[in-house]
Protein backbone atom coordinates (compact mmCIF):
# COMPACT_ATOMS: atom_id res chain seq x y z
CA UNK A 1 63.69 -3.43 75.48
CA UNK A 2 66.23 -0.98 74.15
CA UNK A 3 69.04 -0.02 76.57
CA UNK A 4 67.71 3.45 77.00
CA UNK A 5 64.38 2.05 78.11
CA UNK A 6 65.85 0.16 81.04
CA UNK A 7 64.22 1.33 84.29
CA UNK A 8 66.61 3.42 86.37
CA UNK A 9 66.51 3.12 90.16
CA UNK A 10 66.19 6.21 92.30
CA UNK A 11 68.51 6.42 95.38
CA UNK A 12 67.14 7.74 98.57
CA UNK A 13 69.43 6.65 101.41
CA UNK A 14 72.33 8.69 100.05
CA UNK A 15 70.08 11.76 100.56
CA UNK A 16 68.90 11.11 104.11
CA UNK A 17 71.95 10.27 106.01
CA UNK A 18 72.04 13.54 107.99
CA UNK A 19 68.52 13.08 109.24
CA UNK A 20 69.12 11.42 112.56
CA UNK A 21 66.90 8.60 113.64
CA UNK A 22 65.08 8.99 116.97
CA UNK A 23 63.46 6.27 119.15
CA UNK A 24 59.67 5.91 118.87
CA UNK A 25 58.42 7.27 122.15
CA UNK A 26 56.01 5.41 124.33
CA UNK A 27 56.19 1.91 122.88
CA UNK A 28 57.02 0.00 119.68
CA UNK A 29 54.77 -0.24 116.54
CA UNK A 30 54.44 -3.31 114.62
CA UNK A 31 52.79 -4.18 111.29
CA UNK A 32 53.18 -6.77 108.50
CA UNK A 33 56.29 -6.08 106.42
CA UNK A 34 54.05 -6.74 103.37
CA UNK A 35 52.14 -3.53 104.41
CA UNK A 36 55.32 -1.39 103.90
CA UNK A 37 53.32 0.64 101.37
CA UNK A 38 51.05 1.71 104.23
CA UNK A 39 54.18 3.46 105.85
CA UNK A 40 55.31 4.94 102.65
CA UNK A 41 51.86 6.39 102.18
CA UNK A 42 52.51 8.63 105.18
CA UNK A 43 55.25 10.43 103.28
CA UNK A 44 53.12 10.41 100.05
CA UNK A 45 50.42 12.29 102.08
CA UNK A 46 52.97 15.17 102.61
CA UNK A 47 54.01 15.62 98.99
CA UNK A 48 53.11 13.79 95.71
CA UNK A 49 56.77 13.99 94.55
CA UNK A 50 58.09 11.70 97.27
CA UNK A 51 60.09 8.46 96.45
CA UNK A 52 60.97 5.44 98.60
CA UNK A 53 63.86 3.04 99.16
CA UNK A 54 64.08 0.05 101.39
CA UNK A 55 67.26 -1.34 103.00
CA UNK A 56 67.56 -4.79 104.65
CA UNK A 57 70.56 -5.64 106.77
CA UNK A 58 71.55 -8.89 108.42
CA UNK A 59 72.81 -12.38 107.71
CA UNK A 60 71.81 -13.76 104.24
CA UNK A 61 70.10 -10.57 102.94
CA UNK A 62 72.15 -10.64 99.72
CA UNK A 63 70.48 -13.89 98.77
CA UNK A 64 67.06 -12.27 99.06
CA UNK A 65 67.57 -9.99 96.02
CA UNK A 66 65.99 -12.43 93.50
CA UNK A 67 62.74 -12.52 95.50
CA UNK A 68 62.27 -8.74 95.18
CA UNK A 69 63.25 -8.54 91.51
CA UNK A 70 60.44 -7.49 89.12
CA UNK A 71 58.43 -4.64 90.37
CA UNK A 72 61.44 -3.48 92.44
CA UNK A 73 65.04 -3.00 91.53
CA UNK A 74 67.10 -4.73 94.20
CA UNK A 75 70.87 -4.14 94.52
CA UNK A 76 73.41 -5.40 97.15
CA UNK A 77 75.84 -2.76 98.41
CA UNK A 78 78.22 -3.15 101.41
CA UNK A 79 76.44 -6.29 102.56
CA UNK A 80 72.98 -4.65 102.60
CA UNK A 81 70.06 -5.37 100.24
CA UNK A 82 68.70 -2.09 98.79
CA UNK A 83 65.22 -2.32 97.21
CA UNK A 84 64.83 0.59 94.93
CA UNK A 85 62.13 1.65 92.54
CA UNK A 86 62.09 3.29 89.09
CA UNK A 87 61.91 7.01 88.83
CA UNK A 88 58.51 8.47 89.23
CA UNK A 89 56.14 9.56 91.94
CA UNK A 90 52.37 9.83 92.69
CA UNK A 91 50.15 6.70 92.49
CA UNK A 92 52.61 5.02 90.04
CA UNK A 93 55.18 4.52 92.69
CA UNK A 94 52.64 4.02 95.56
CA UNK A 95 51.22 1.11 93.49
CA UNK A 96 54.68 -0.33 92.76
CA UNK A 97 55.51 -0.55 96.49
CA UNK A 98 52.17 -2.26 97.13
CA UNK A 99 52.71 -4.75 94.38
CA UNK A 100 55.85 -6.15 96.05
CA UNK A 101 53.32 -8.19 97.90
CA UNK A 102 53.80 -10.71 100.73
CA UNK A 103 55.75 -13.52 99.00
CA UNK A 104 59.17 -11.86 99.02
CA UNK A 105 58.86 -11.11 102.76
CA UNK A 106 58.27 -14.85 103.53
CA UNK A 107 61.96 -15.42 102.78
CA UNK A 108 63.24 -12.73 105.14
CA UNK A 109 64.69 -14.26 108.37
CA UNK A 110 63.86 -13.08 111.83
CA UNK A 111 66.40 -10.55 113.16
CA UNK A 112 66.75 -8.71 109.82
CA UNK A 113 66.81 -4.94 110.06
CA UNK A 114 64.43 -3.14 107.72
CA UNK A 115 64.45 0.57 107.00
CA UNK A 116 62.21 2.62 104.69
CA UNK A 117 63.52 6.01 103.73
CA UNK A 118 61.75 8.63 101.51
CA UNK A 119 62.70 11.87 99.93
CA UNK A 120 61.13 14.32 97.49
CA UNK A 121 62.38 14.13 93.92
CA UNK A 122 62.52 17.93 93.68
CA UNK A 123 63.25 20.67 96.26
CA UNK A 124 63.63 20.41 99.97
CA UNK A 125 66.67 20.49 102.21
CA UNK A 126 68.12 17.10 102.91
CA UNK A 127 70.07 18.47 105.86
CA UNK A 128 66.97 19.68 107.63
CA UNK A 129 64.14 17.47 106.43
CA UNK A 130 60.68 18.77 105.49
CA UNK A 131 57.88 17.46 103.33
CA UNK A 132 58.67 14.05 101.95
CA UNK A 133 61.76 13.36 104.04
CA UNK A 134 61.24 10.43 106.41
CA UNK A 135 62.90 7.37 107.85
CA UNK A 136 61.38 4.30 109.56
CA UNK A 137 63.73 1.63 110.91
CA UNK A 138 63.12 -1.57 112.90
CA UNK A 139 63.56 -5.28 113.03
CA UNK A 140 61.83 -8.26 111.51
CA UNK A 141 60.09 -11.00 113.52
CA UNK A 142 58.39 -14.01 112.14
CA UNK A 143 55.10 -14.62 113.92
CA UNK A 144 52.86 -17.58 112.88
CA UNK A 145 54.69 -17.64 109.57
CA UNK A 146 54.08 -13.98 108.90
CA UNK A 147 56.91 -11.39 108.62
CA UNK A 148 56.34 -8.65 111.13
CA UNK A 149 58.12 -5.37 111.05
CA UNK A 150 58.56 -3.56 114.40
CA UNK A 151 59.38 0.10 113.93
CA UNK A 152 61.61 1.39 116.72
CA UNK A 153 63.19 4.48 115.24
CA UNK A 154 62.00 7.25 112.96
CA UNK A 155 62.72 10.62 111.45
CA UNK A 156 60.97 12.89 112.27
CA UNK A 157 60.50 11.85 115.94
CA UNK A 158 57.02 10.49 116.53
CA UNK A 159 55.19 8.81 119.43
CA UNK A 160 53.85 5.34 119.19
CA UNK A 161 50.29 6.65 119.67
CA UNK A 162 50.57 9.11 116.74
CA UNK A 163 52.30 6.63 114.48
CA UNK A 164 49.59 4.03 115.09
CA UNK A 165 46.87 6.59 114.39
CA UNK A 166 48.61 7.75 111.17
CA UNK A 167 48.99 4.16 110.00
CA UNK A 168 45.31 3.37 110.74
CA UNK A 169 44.37 6.33 108.46
CA UNK A 170 46.74 5.07 105.85
CA UNK A 171 45.23 1.58 106.10
CA UNK A 172 41.75 2.98 105.80
CA UNK A 173 42.72 4.64 102.44
CA UNK A 174 43.29 1.20 100.95
CA UNK A 175 39.51 0.79 100.52
CA UNK A 176 37.91 1.67 97.22
CA UNK A 177 35.11 3.97 98.35
CA UNK A 178 35.14 4.53 102.11
CA UNK A 179 37.22 5.41 105.12
CA UNK A 180 36.53 3.84 108.46
CA UNK A 181 38.07 5.91 111.16
CA UNK A 182 38.79 5.37 114.90
CA UNK A 183 35.61 7.23 116.00
CA UNK A 184 32.97 9.77 115.08
CA UNK A 185 35.22 12.72 116.18
CA UNK A 186 38.09 11.68 113.89
CA UNK A 187 35.75 10.94 111.08
CA UNK A 188 34.15 14.41 111.37
CA UNK A 189 37.62 16.05 111.44
CA UNK A 190 38.64 14.24 108.12
CA UNK A 191 35.30 15.07 106.52
CA UNK A 192 35.62 18.76 107.29
CA UNK A 193 39.26 18.87 106.24
CA UNK A 194 38.44 17.45 102.81
CA UNK A 195 35.40 19.72 102.35
CA UNK A 196 37.51 22.77 103.24
CA UNK A 197 40.41 22.00 101.00
CA UNK A 198 39.21 20.27 97.83
CA UNK A 199 35.67 18.95 97.85
CA UNK A 200 34.21 21.82 95.74
CA UNK A 201 37.28 23.16 93.97
CA UNK A 202 38.59 19.79 92.63
CA UNK A 203 35.91 17.16 93.01
CA UNK A 204 32.54 18.99 92.79
CA UNK A 205 30.73 15.90 91.34
CA UNK A 206 31.71 13.64 94.21
CA UNK A 207 29.32 12.98 97.08
CA UNK A 208 30.98 12.32 100.48
CA UNK A 209 28.71 11.19 103.21
CA UNK A 210 29.50 10.94 106.95
CA UNK A 211 27.82 8.26 109.05
CA UNK A 212 29.26 7.70 112.42
CA UNK A 213 32.92 6.84 112.10
CA UNK A 214 32.65 6.07 108.34
CA UNK A 215 33.08 8.33 105.30
CA UNK A 216 31.78 7.01 102.08
CA UNK A 217 32.05 8.12 98.47
CA UNK A 218 29.51 7.71 95.77
CA UNK A 219 30.51 6.81 93.11
CA UNK A 220 33.59 5.06 94.49
CA UNK A 221 36.95 6.17 93.24
CA UNK A 222 40.19 4.78 94.81
CA UNK A 223 42.18 7.83 93.99
CA UNK A 224 39.73 10.25 95.54
CA UNK A 225 39.45 8.28 98.75
CA UNK A 226 43.15 8.68 99.02
CA UNK A 227 42.82 12.42 98.87
CA UNK A 228 40.10 12.35 101.46
CA UNK A 229 42.51 10.56 103.76
CA UNK A 230 45.22 12.92 102.63
CA UNK A 231 43.25 15.97 103.74
CA UNK A 232 42.70 14.47 107.14
CA UNK A 233 46.26 13.40 107.61
CA UNK A 234 47.51 16.84 106.89
CA UNK A 235 44.98 18.32 109.31
CA UNK A 236 45.68 15.96 112.12
CA UNK A 237 49.46 15.30 111.81
CA UNK A 238 51.10 18.43 110.32
CA UNK A 239 52.85 19.18 113.61
CA UNK A 240 54.85 15.89 113.04
CA UNK A 241 55.02 15.59 109.26
CA UNK A 242 55.12 18.88 107.49
CA UNK A 243 53.46 19.01 104.12
CA UNK A 244 53.72 20.95 100.91
CA UNK A 245 51.56 24.11 100.64
CA UNK A 246 48.17 23.72 98.82
CA UNK A 247 47.75 26.32 96.07
CA UNK A 248 44.27 27.03 94.73
CA UNK A 249 44.88 25.01 91.53
CA UNK A 250 47.03 22.23 93.03
CA UNK A 251 47.30 19.20 90.65
CA UNK A 252 46.17 16.37 92.80
CA UNK A 253 46.38 13.56 90.33
CA UNK A 254 50.14 12.97 90.64
CA UNK A 255 51.40 10.28 88.07
């Protein structure tokens, strides 16, 4: 690889320091640390140009860098382990975060603090927030050998109930050809949001069916099911996570 081909990491934390973390209201929210891409997807739903960075703090984190090297670009600064990713956005970065996998997290000790921060690569006001700006911070526990991340603080402020519902929608988008929602009412809302925004303008050949709490595409297309979830996310959670405007000819394919 030539020197000018070396992947360059994108910094995020240096752009979000003025966005104050707020306690998650109502309760704590826990999920496997290996599912961190599920949390990043919430920011991706708001704008395709969003980029992530992870920060681990606690005893021994500097020794963990080697486990995250490869897909990610880890660096140790001021005693913290920063896990950065090469420049880019859209599905390419979403896939890179997902490919970190579970193995690196198996080395992270209980009590470590983990934070995910995101920012748009272009535009936005980092002093105010807006589409793509987010922070999720909490602690690591090891339960039954699995690394569990308990999110205790966020930007913007969110309740535990809303965060759980948003993460459930994000998790549903990990299927190839279907979304299984919490109930029929939520499924219908997602269905109508997708039809209203893009079904006929962007994906006229796709057939989306609604049966109970499940939405199914035929033929299956992973990228499209993401955009079905995206339409529902924007309709249900825009009061918490603002999103980019949707022009008539929006390019939905990202990278």
